C-alpha cells in the first residue's frame, strides 16, 4: 500500500477516490498494486494510521533526510536545515 501511495503521489493523484479509480484503469498502478483494487476507505485508513512512514518515504523521495530523535520520533529536515513539515 505504501508503494501505491508513493507512486500515486508521484503521478499527481492525492485523492483516495482517484487512487482507487486509477487501480482499475492505469496499467502502472495495476502493476504497483499487484492487480488488487483497494477501496478508498482502506487507502484513507492506511494513510491516517501510517502517517509517519509516509512522511519519511516522501522526504526520502524529495531529497530530504530524517533523523530519529531520542524519544523515538523522527525529526524531518531539509539539507538546508529547514523544517520539512
PDB file of N, CA and C in Angstrom:
ATOM      1  N   UNK A   1       0.829  -1.191   0.000  1.00  0.00           N
ATOM      2  CA  UNK A   1       0.000   0.000   0.000  1.00  0.00           C
ATOM      3  C   UNK A   1       0.873   1.255   0.000  1.00  0.00           C
ATOM      4  N   UNK A   2       2.006   1.201   0.693  1.00  0.00           N
ATOM      5  CA  UNK A   2       2.900   2.355   0.724  1.00  0.00           C
ATOM      6  C   UNK A   2       3.446   2.650  -0.670  1.00  0.00           C
ATOM      7  N   UNK A   3       3.810   1.618  -1.401  1.00  0.00           N
ATOM      8  CA  UNK A   3       4.306   1.810  -2.768  1.00  0.00           C
ATOM      9  C   UNK A   3       3.217   2.410  -3.660  1.00  0.00           C
ATOM     10  N   UNK A   4       1.988   1.983  -3.459  1.00  0.00           N
ATOM     11  CA  UNK A   4       0.875   2.526  -4.232  1.00  0.00           C
ATOM     12  C   UNK A   4       0.702   4.015  -3.954  1.00  0.00           C
ATOM     13  N   UNK A   5       0.801   4.418  -2.695  1.00  0.00           N
ATOM     14  CA  UNK A   5       0.662   5.837  -2.358  1.00  0.00           C
ATOM     15  C   UNK A   5       1.815   6.662  -2.920  1.00  0.00           C
ATOM     16  N   UNK A   6       3.027   6.160  -2.813  1.00  0.00           N
ATOM     17  CA  UNK A   6       4.176   6.903  -3.330  1.00  0.00           C
ATOM     18  C   UNK A   6       4.069   7.053  -4.843  1.00  0.00           C
ATOM     19  N   UNK A   7       3.681   5.967  -5.524  1.00  0.00           N
ATOM     20  CA  UNK A   7       3.528   6.022  -6.973  1.00  0.00           C
ATOM     21  C   UNK A   7       2.425   6.991  -7.381  1.00  0.00           C
ATOM     22  N   UNK A   8       1.323   6.970  -6.654  1.00  0.00           N
ATOM     23  CA  UNK A   8       0.226   7.876  -6.998  1.00  0.00           C
ATOM     24  C   UNK A   8       0.581   9.326  -6.681  1.00  0.00           C
ATOM     25  N   UNK A   9       1.298   9.589  -5.573  1.00  0.00           N
ATOM     26  CA  UNK A   9       1.731  10.951  -5.278  1.00  0.00           C
ATOM     27  C   UNK A   9       2.680  11.461  -6.362  1.00  0.00           C
ATOM     28  N   UNK A  10       3.550  10.589  -6.860  1.00  0.00           N
ATOM     29  CA  UNK A  10       4.486  10.984  -7.910  1.00  0.00           C
ATOM     30  C   UNK A  10       3.759  11.302  -9.215  1.00  0.00           C
ATOM     31  N   UNK A  11       2.611  10.693  -9.413  1.00  0.00           N
ATOM     32  CA  UNK A  11       1.812  10.955 -10.613  1.00  0.00           C
ATOM     33  C   UNK A  11       0.758  12.032 -10.403  1.00  0.00           C
ATOM     34  N   UNK A  12       0.742  12.665  -9.251  1.00  0.00           N
ATOM     35  CA  UNK A  12      -0.169  13.778  -9.007  1.00  0.00           C
ATOM     36  C   UNK A  12      -1.543  13.383  -8.524  1.00  0.00           C
ATOM     37  N   UNK A  13      -1.711  12.152  -8.064  1.00  0.00           N
ATOM     38  CA  UNK A  13      -3.001  11.706  -7.523  1.00  0.00           C
ATOM     39  C   UNK A  13      -2.925  11.730  -6.000  1.00  0.00           C
ATOM     40  N   UNK A  14      -3.769  12.531  -5.377  1.00  0.00           N
ATOM     41  CA  UNK A  14      -3.754  12.640  -3.931  1.00  0.00           C
ATOM     42  C   UNK A  14      -5.058  12.184  -3.293  1.00  0.00           C
ATOM     43  N   UNK A  15      -6.126  12.162  -4.036  1.00  0.00           N
ATOM     44  CA  UNK A  15      -7.431  11.775  -3.517  1.00  0.00           C
ATOM     45  C   UNK A  15      -7.551  10.250  -3.450  1.00  0.00           C
ATOM     46  N   UNK A  16      -8.112   9.752  -2.372  1.00  0.00           N
ATOM     47  CA  UNK A  16      -8.298   8.306  -2.227  1.00  0.00           C
ATOM     48  C   UNK A  16      -9.234   7.752  -3.291  1.00  0.00           C
ATOM     49  N   UNK A  17     -10.246   8.505  -3.645  1.00  0.00           N
ATOM     50  CA  UNK A  17     -11.175   8.073  -4.686  1.00  0.00           C
ATOM     51  C   UNK A  17     -10.473   7.976  -6.045  1.00  0.00           C
ATOM     52  N   UNK A  18      -9.639   8.944  -6.342  1.00  0.00           N
ATOM     53  CA  UNK A  18      -8.931   8.919  -7.625  1.00  0.00           C
ATOM     54  C   UNK A  18      -7.892   7.810  -7.674  1.00  0.00           C
ATOM     55  N   UNK A  19      -7.245   7.541  -6.537  1.00  0.00           N
ATOM     56  CA  UNK A  19      -6.282   6.436  -6.488  1.00  0.00           C
ATOM     57  C   UNK A  19      -7.006   5.112  -6.714  1.00  0.00           C
ATOM     58  N   UNK A  20      -8.168   4.955  -6.099  1.00  0.00           N
ATOM     59  CA  UNK A  20      -8.950   3.737  -6.304  1.00  0.00           C
ATOM     60  C   UNK A  20      -9.325   3.570  -7.774  1.00  0.00           C
ATOM     61  N   UNK A  21      -9.799   4.635  -8.403  1.00  0.00           N
ATOM     62  CA  UNK A  21     -10.173   4.556  -9.818  1.00  0.00           C
ATOM     63  C   UNK A  21      -8.976   4.248 -10.705  1.00  0.00           C
ATOM     64  N   UNK A  22      -7.822   4.797 -10.344  1.00  0.00           N
ATOM     65  CA  UNK A  22      -6.629   4.584 -11.158  1.00  0.00           C
ATOM     66  C   UNK A  22      -6.153   3.137 -11.112  1.00  0.00           C
ATOM     67  N   UNK A  23      -6.452   2.413 -10.028  1.00  0.00           N
ATOM     68  CA  UNK A  23      -6.046   0.999  -9.975  1.00  0.00           C
ATOM     69  C   UNK A  23      -6.847   0.153 -10.954  1.00  0.00           C
ATOM     70  N   UNK A  24      -7.960   0.655 -11.439  1.00  0.00           N
ATOM     71  CA  UNK A  24      -8.746  -0.062 -12.445  1.00  0.00           C
ATOM     72  C   UNK A  24      -8.328   0.292 -13.873  1.00  0.00           C
ATOM     73  N   UNK A  25      -7.888   1.526 -14.109  1.00  0.00           N
ATOM     74  CA  UNK A  25      -7.678   1.961 -15.487  1.00  0.00           C
ATOM     75  C   UNK A  25      -6.220   2.176 -15.872  1.00  0.00           C
ATOM     76  N   UNK A  26      -5.339   2.444 -14.922  1.00  0.00           N
ATOM     77  CA  UNK A  26      -3.939   2.749 -15.231  1.00  0.00           C
ATOM     78  C   UNK A  26      -3.083   1.498 -15.062  1.00  0.00           C
ATOM     79  N   UNK A  27      -2.342   1.126 -16.085  1.00  0.00           N
ATOM     80  CA  UNK A  27      -1.561  -0.106 -16.052  1.00  0.00           C
ATOM     81  C   UNK A  27      -0.405  -0.010 -15.041  1.00  0.00           C
ATOM     82  N   UNK A  28       0.181   1.168 -14.892  1.00  0.00           N
ATOM     83  CA  UNK A  28       1.251   1.343 -13.915  1.00  0.00           C
ATOM     84  C   UNK A  28       0.765   1.143 -12.489  1.00  0.00           C
ATOM     85  N   UNK A  29      -0.415   1.666 -12.205  1.00  0.00           N
ATOM     86  CA  UNK A  29      -0.999   1.494 -10.872  1.00  0.00           C
ATOM     87  C   UNK A  29      -1.358   0.036 -10.617  1.00  0.00           C
ATOM     88  N   UNK A  30      -1.806  -0.651 -11.668  1.00  0.00           N
ATOM     89  CA  UNK A  30      -2.147  -2.069 -11.511  1.00  0.00           C
ATOM     90  C   UNK A  30      -0.910  -2.890 -11.176  1.00  0.00           C
ATOM     91  N   UNK A  31       0.210  -2.552 -11.792  1.00  0.00           N
ATOM     92  CA  UNK A  31       1.449  -3.277 -11.511  1.00  0.00           C
ATOM     93  C   UNK A  31       1.892  -3.031 -10.079  1.00  0.00           C
ATOM     94  N   UNK A  32       1.877  -1.778  -9.657  1.00  0.00           N
ATOM     95  CA  UNK A  32       2.299  -1.446  -8.292  1.00  0.00           C
ATOM     96  C   UNK A  32       1.356  -2.063  -7.261  1.00  0.00           C
ATOM     97  N   UNK A  33       0.063  -2.089  -7.551  1.00  0.00           N
ATOM     98  CA  UNK A  33      -0.927  -2.632  -6.618  1.00  0.00           C
ATOM     99  C   UNK A  33      -1.085  -4.141  -6.748  1.00  0.00           C
ATOM    100  N   UNK A  34      -0.272  -4.785  -7.597  1.00  0.00           N
ATOM    101  CA  UNK A  34      -0.320  -6.238  -7.805  1.00  0.00           C
ATOM    102  C   UNK A  34      -1.708  -6.673  -8.280  1.00  0.00           C
ATOM    103  N   UNK A  35      -2.299  -5.872  -9.141  1.00  0.00           N
ATOM    104  CA  UNK A  35      -3.626  -6.120  -9.717  1.00  0.00           C
ATOM    105  C   UNK A  35      -4.722  -6.233  -8.659  1.00  0.00           C
ATOM    106  N   UNK A  36      -4.499  -5.607  -7.517  1.00  0.00           N
ATOM    107  CA  UNK A  36      -5.529  -5.507  -6.480  1.00  0.00           C
ATOM    108  C   UNK A  36      -6.145  -4.118  -6.559  1.00  0.00           C
ATOM    109  N   UNK A  37      -7.352  -3.996  -6.077  1.00  0.00           N
ATOM    110  CA  UNK A  37      -8.059  -2.724  -6.142  1.00  0.00           C
ATOM    111  C   UNK A  37      -8.557  -2.359  -4.747  1.00  0.00           C
ATOM    112  N   UNK A  38      -7.695  -1.701  -3.934  1.00  0.00           N
ATOM    113  CA  UNK A  38      -8.127  -1.327  -2.592  1.00  0.00           C
ATOM    114  C   UNK A  38      -9.231  -0.279  -2.628  1.00  0.00           C
ATOM    115  N   UNK A  39     -10.136  -0.371  -1.684  1.00  0.00           N
ATOM    116  CA  UNK A  39     -11.236   0.570  -1.552  1.00  0.00           C
ATOM    117  C   UNK A  39     -10.688   1.919  -1.075  1.00  0.00           C
ATOM    118  N   UNK A  40     -11.391   2.994  -1.383  1.00  0.00           N
ATOM    119  CA  UNK A  40     -10.922   4.316  -0.952  1.00  0.00           C
ATOM    120  C   UNK A  40     -10.896   4.442   0.567  1.00  0.00           C
ATOM    121  N   UNK A  41     -11.774   3.760   1.271  1.00  0.00           N
ATOM    122  CA  UNK A  41     -11.735   3.779   2.736  1.00  0.00           C
ATOM    123  C   UNK A  41     -10.480   3.097   3.264  1.00  0.00           C
ATOM    124  N   UNK A  42     -10.062   2.021   2.616  1.00  0.00           N
ATOM    125  CA  UNK A  42      -8.852   1.320   3.011  1.00  0.00           C
ATOM    126  C   UNK A  42      -7.627   2.201   2.789  1.00  0.00           C
ATOM    127  N   UNK A  43      -7.596   2.907   1.678  1.00  0.00           N
ATOM    128  CA  UNK A  43      -6.485   3.802   1.381  1.00  0.00           C
ATOM    129  C   UNK A  43      -6.430   4.934   2.404  1.00  0.00           C
ATOM    130  N   UNK A  44      -7.575   5.522   2.721  1.00  0.00           N
ATOM    131  CA  UNK A  44      -7.622   6.627   3.682  1.00  0.00           C
ATOM    132  C   UNK A  44      -7.235   6.169   5.087  1.00  0.00           C
ATOM    133  N   UNK A  45      -7.675   4.979   5.477  1.00  0.00           N
ATOM    134  CA  UNK A  45      -7.320   4.453   6.794  1.00  0.00           C
ATOM    135  C   UNK A  45      -5.832   4.167   6.882  1.00  0.00           C
ATOM    136  N   UNK A  46      -5.270   3.570   5.837  1.00  0.00           N
ATOM    137  CA  UNK A  46      -3.832   3.308   5.815  1.00  0.00           C
ATOM    138  C   UNK A  46      -3.054   4.606   5.895  1.00  0.00           C
ATOM    139  N   UNK A  47      -3.497   5.612   5.165  1.00  0.00           N
ATOM    140  CA  UNK A  47      -2.822   6.905   5.174  1.00  0.00           C
ATOM    141  C   UNK A  47      -2.869   7.547   6.557  1.00  0.00           C
ATOM    142  N   UNK A  48      -4.000   7.427   7.220  1.00  0.00           N
ATOM    143  CA  UNK A  48      -4.172   8.023   8.549  1.00  0.00           C
ATOM    144  C   UNK A  48      -3.338   7.306   9.606  1.00  0.00           C
ATOM    145  N   UNK A  49      -3.289   5.967   9.565  1.00  0.00           N
ATOM    146  CA  UNK A  49      -2.598   5.217  10.610  1.00  0.00           C
ATOM    147  C   UNK A  49      -1.085   5.159  10.396  1.00  0.00           C
ATOM    148  N   UNK A  50      -0.616   5.360   9.183  1.00  0.00           N
ATOM    149  CA  UNK A  50       0.813   5.276   8.886  1.00  0.00           C
ATOM    150  C   UNK A  50       1.372   6.599   8.397  1.00  0.00           C
ATOM    151  N   UNK A  51       0.931   7.664   8.989  1.00  0.00           N
ATOM    152  CA  UNK A  51       1.326   8.998   8.556  1.00  0.00           C
ATOM    153  C   UNK A  51       2.831   9.231   8.643  1.00  0.00           C
ATOM    154  N   UNK A  52       3.479   8.737   9.695  1.00  0.00           N
ATOM    155  CA  UNK A  52       4.913   8.955   9.876  1.00  0.00           C
ATOM    156  C   UNK A  52       5.721   8.219   8.822  1.00  0.00           C
ATOM    157  N   UNK A  53       5.346   6.978   8.519  1.00  0.00           N
ATOM    158  CA  UNK A  53       6.070   6.205   7.499  1.00  0.00           C
ATOM    159  C   UNK A  53       5.921   6.853   6.134  1.00  0.00           C
ATOM    160  N   UNK A  54       4.751   7.361   5.841  1.00  0.00           N
ATOM    161  CA  UNK A  54       4.522   8.016   4.551  1.00  0.00           C
ATOM    162  C   UNK A  54       5.355   9.291   4.464  1.00  0.00           C
ATOM    163  N   UNK A  55       5.421  10.048   5.554  1.00  0.00           N
ATOM    164  CA  UNK A  55       6.210  11.274   5.568  1.00  0.00           C
ATOM    165  C   UNK A  55       7.691  10.970   5.397  1.00  0.00           C
ATOM    166  N   UNK A  56       8.177   9.914   6.032  1.00  0.00           N
ATOM    167  CA  UNK A  56       9.592   9.535   5.897  1.00  0.00           C
ATOM    168  C   UNK A  56       9.911   9.162   4.457  1.00  0.00           C
ATOM    169  N   UNK A  57       9.041   8.382   3.821  1.00  0.00           N
ATOM    170  CA  UNK A  57       9.267   7.993   2.438  1.00  0.00           C
ATOM    171  C   UNK A  57       9.159   9.197   1.505  1.00  0.00           C
ATOM    172  N   UNK A  58       8.221  10.093   1.782  1.00  0.00           N
ATOM    173  CA  UNK A  58       8.058  11.289   0.957  1.00  0.00           C
ATOM    174  C   UNK A  58       9.303  12.162   1.048  1.00  0.00           C
ATOM    175  N   UNK A  59       9.852  12.311   2.239  1.00  0.00           N
ATOM    176  CA  UNK A  59      11.067  13.114   2.397  1.00  0.00           C
ATOM    177  C   UNK A  59      12.253  12.459   1.703  1.00  0.00           C
ATOM    178  N   UNK A  60      12.310  11.122   1.711  1.00  0.00           N
ATOM    179  CA  UNK A  60      13.404  10.430   1.026  1.00  0.00           C
ATOM    180  C   UNK A  60      13.304  10.631  -0.484  1.00  0.00           C
ATOM    181  N   UNK A  61      12.110  10.640  -1.020  1.00  0.00           N
ATOM    182  CA  UNK A  61      11.920  10.839  -2.457  1.00  0.00           C
ATOM    183  C   UNK A  61      12.227  12.277  -2.837  1.00  0.00           C
ATOM    184  N   UNK A  62      11.888  13.225  -1.973  1.00  0.00           N
ATOM    185  CA  UNK A  62      12.115  14.647  -2.252  1.00  0.00           C
ATOM    186  C   UNK A  62      13.563  15.084  -2.072  1.00  0.00           C
ATOM    187  N   UNK A  63      14.431  14.223  -1.583  1.00  0.00           N
ATOM    188  CA  UNK A  63      15.814  14.596  -1.348  1.00  0.00           C
ATOM    189  C   UNK A  63      16.059  15.119   0.044  1.00  0.00           C
ATOM    190  N   UNK A  64      15.091  15.016   0.892  1.00  0.00           N
ATOM    191  CA  UNK A  64      15.257  15.404   2.290  1.00  0.00           C
ATOM    192  C   UNK A  64      15.701  14.184   3.067  1.00  0.00           C
ATOM    193  N   UNK A  65      16.125  14.384   4.269  1.00  0.00           N
ATOM    194  CA  UNK A  65      16.502  13.251   5.099  1.00  0.00           C
ATOM    195  C   UNK A  65      15.852  13.408   6.461  1.00  0.00           C
ATOM    196  N   UNK A  66      15.749  12.332   7.173  1.00  0.00           N
ATOM    197  CA  UNK A  66      15.214  12.417   8.526  1.00  0.00           C
ATOM    198  C   UNK A  66      16.188  11.769   9.473  1.00  0.00           C
ATOM    199  N   UNK A  67      16.085  12.184  10.721  1.00  0.00           N
ATOM    200  CA  UNK A  67      16.991  11.668  11.714  1.00  0.00           C
ATOM    201  C   UNK A  67      16.175  11.372  12.961  1.00  0.00           C
ATOM    202  N   UNK A  68      16.270  10.144  13.487  1.00  0.00           N
ATOM    203  CA  UNK A  68      15.490   9.827  14.684  1.00  0.00           C
ATOM    204  C   UNK A  68      16.001  10.603  15.888  1.00  0.00           C
ATOM    205  N   UNK A  69      15.094  11.083  16.689  1.00  0.00           N
ATOM    206  CA  UNK A  69      15.480  11.782  17.908  1.00  0.00           C
ATOM    207  C   UNK A  69      15.504  10.789  19.071  1.00  0.00           C
ATOM    208  N   UNK A  70      15.852  11.247  20.221  1.00  0.00           N
ATOM    209  CA  UNK A  70      15.983  10.363  21.370  1.00  0.00           C
ATOM    210  C   UNK A  70      14.671   9.761  21.840  1.00  0.00           C
ATOM    211  N   UNK A  71      13.548  10.437  21.590  1.00  0.00           N
ATOM    212  CA  UNK A  71      12.264   9.931  22.074  1.00  0.00           C
ATOM    213  C   UNK A  71      11.581   9.008  21.066  1.00  0.00           C
ATOM    214  N   UNK A  72      12.265   8.640  19.975  1.00  0.00           N
ATOM    215  CA  UNK A  72      11.696   7.705  19.010  1.00  0.00           C
ATOM    216  C   UNK A  72      10.982   8.368  17.849  1.00  0.00           C
ATOM    217  N   UNK A  73      10.724   9.652  17.945  1.00  0.00           N
ATOM    218  CA  UNK A  73      10.047  10.359  16.851  1.00  0.00           C
ATOM    219  C   UNK A  73      11.081  10.786  15.821  1.00  0.00           C
ATOM    220  N   UNK A  74      10.675  10.901  14.595  1.00  0.00           N
ATOM    221  CA  UNK A  74      11.585  11.344  13.538  1.00  0.00           C
ATOM    222  C   UNK A  74      11.546  12.853  13.446  1.00  0.00           C
ATOM    223  N   UNK A  75      12.693  13.415  13.294  1.00  0.00           N
ATOM    224  CA  UNK A  75      12.779  14.846  13.029  1.00  0.00           C
ATOM    225  C   UNK A  75      13.156  15.005  11.563  1.00  0.00           C
ATOM    226  N   UNK A  76      12.246  15.530  10.794  1.00  0.00           N
ATOM    227  CA  UNK A  76      12.451  15.673   9.361  1.00  0.00           C
ATOM    228  C   UNK A  76      13.089  17.018   9.081  1.00  0.00           C
ATOM    229  N   UNK A  77      14.114  16.986   8.255  1.00  0.00           N
ATOM    230  CA  UNK A  77      14.829  18.221   7.954  1.00  0.00           C
ATOM    231  C   UNK A  77      15.237  18.251   6.487  1.00  0.00           C
ATOM    232  N   UNK A  78      15.327  19.455   5.966  1.00  0.00           N
ATOM    233  CA  UNK A  78      15.894  19.651   4.630  1.00  0.00           C
ATOM    234  C   UNK A  78      17.409  19.698   4.747  1.00  0.00           C
ATOM    235  N   UNK A  79      18.074  19.589   3.623  1.00  0.00           N
ATOM    236  CA  UNK A  79      19.527  19.674   3.657  1.00  0.00           C
ATOM    237  C   UNK A  79      19.985  21.069   4.077  1.00  0.00           C
ATOM    238  N   UNK A  80      19.141  22.065   3.888  1.00  0.00           N
ATOM    239  CA  UNK A  80      19.497  23.426   4.304  1.00  0.00           C
ATOM    240  C   UNK A  80      19.104  23.694   5.748  1.00  0.00           C
ATOM    241  N   UNK A  81      18.780  22.649   6.489  1.00  0.00           N
ATOM    242  CA  UNK A  81      18.419  22.732   7.911  1.00  0.00           C
ATOM    243  C   UNK A  81      17.078  23.401   8.148  1.00  0.00           C
ATOM    244  N   UNK A  82      16.176  23.375   7.159  1.00  0.00           N
ATOM    245  CA  UNK A  82      14.833  23.908   7.356  1.00  0.00           C
ATOM    246  C   UNK A  82      13.916  22.766   7.753  1.00  0.00           C
ATOM    247  N   UNK A  83      12.815  23.096   8.369  1.00  0.00           N
ATOM    248  CA  UNK A  83      11.849  22.082   8.771  1.00  0.00           C
ATOM    249  C   UNK A  83      11.108  21.545   7.560  1.00  0.00           C
ATOM    250  N   UNK A  84      10.754  20.262   7.617  1.00  0.00           N
ATOM    251  CA  UNK A  84      10.105  19.583   6.499  1.00  0.00           C
ATOM    252  C   UNK A  84       8.636  19.340   6.800  1.00  0.00           C
ATOM    253  N   UNK A  85       7.989  20.109   7.595  1.00  0.00           N
ATOM    254  CA  UNK A  85       6.600  19.852   7.975  1.00  0.00           C
ATOM    255  C   UNK A  85       5.648  20.457   7.041  1.00  0.00           C
TER     256      UNK A  85
END
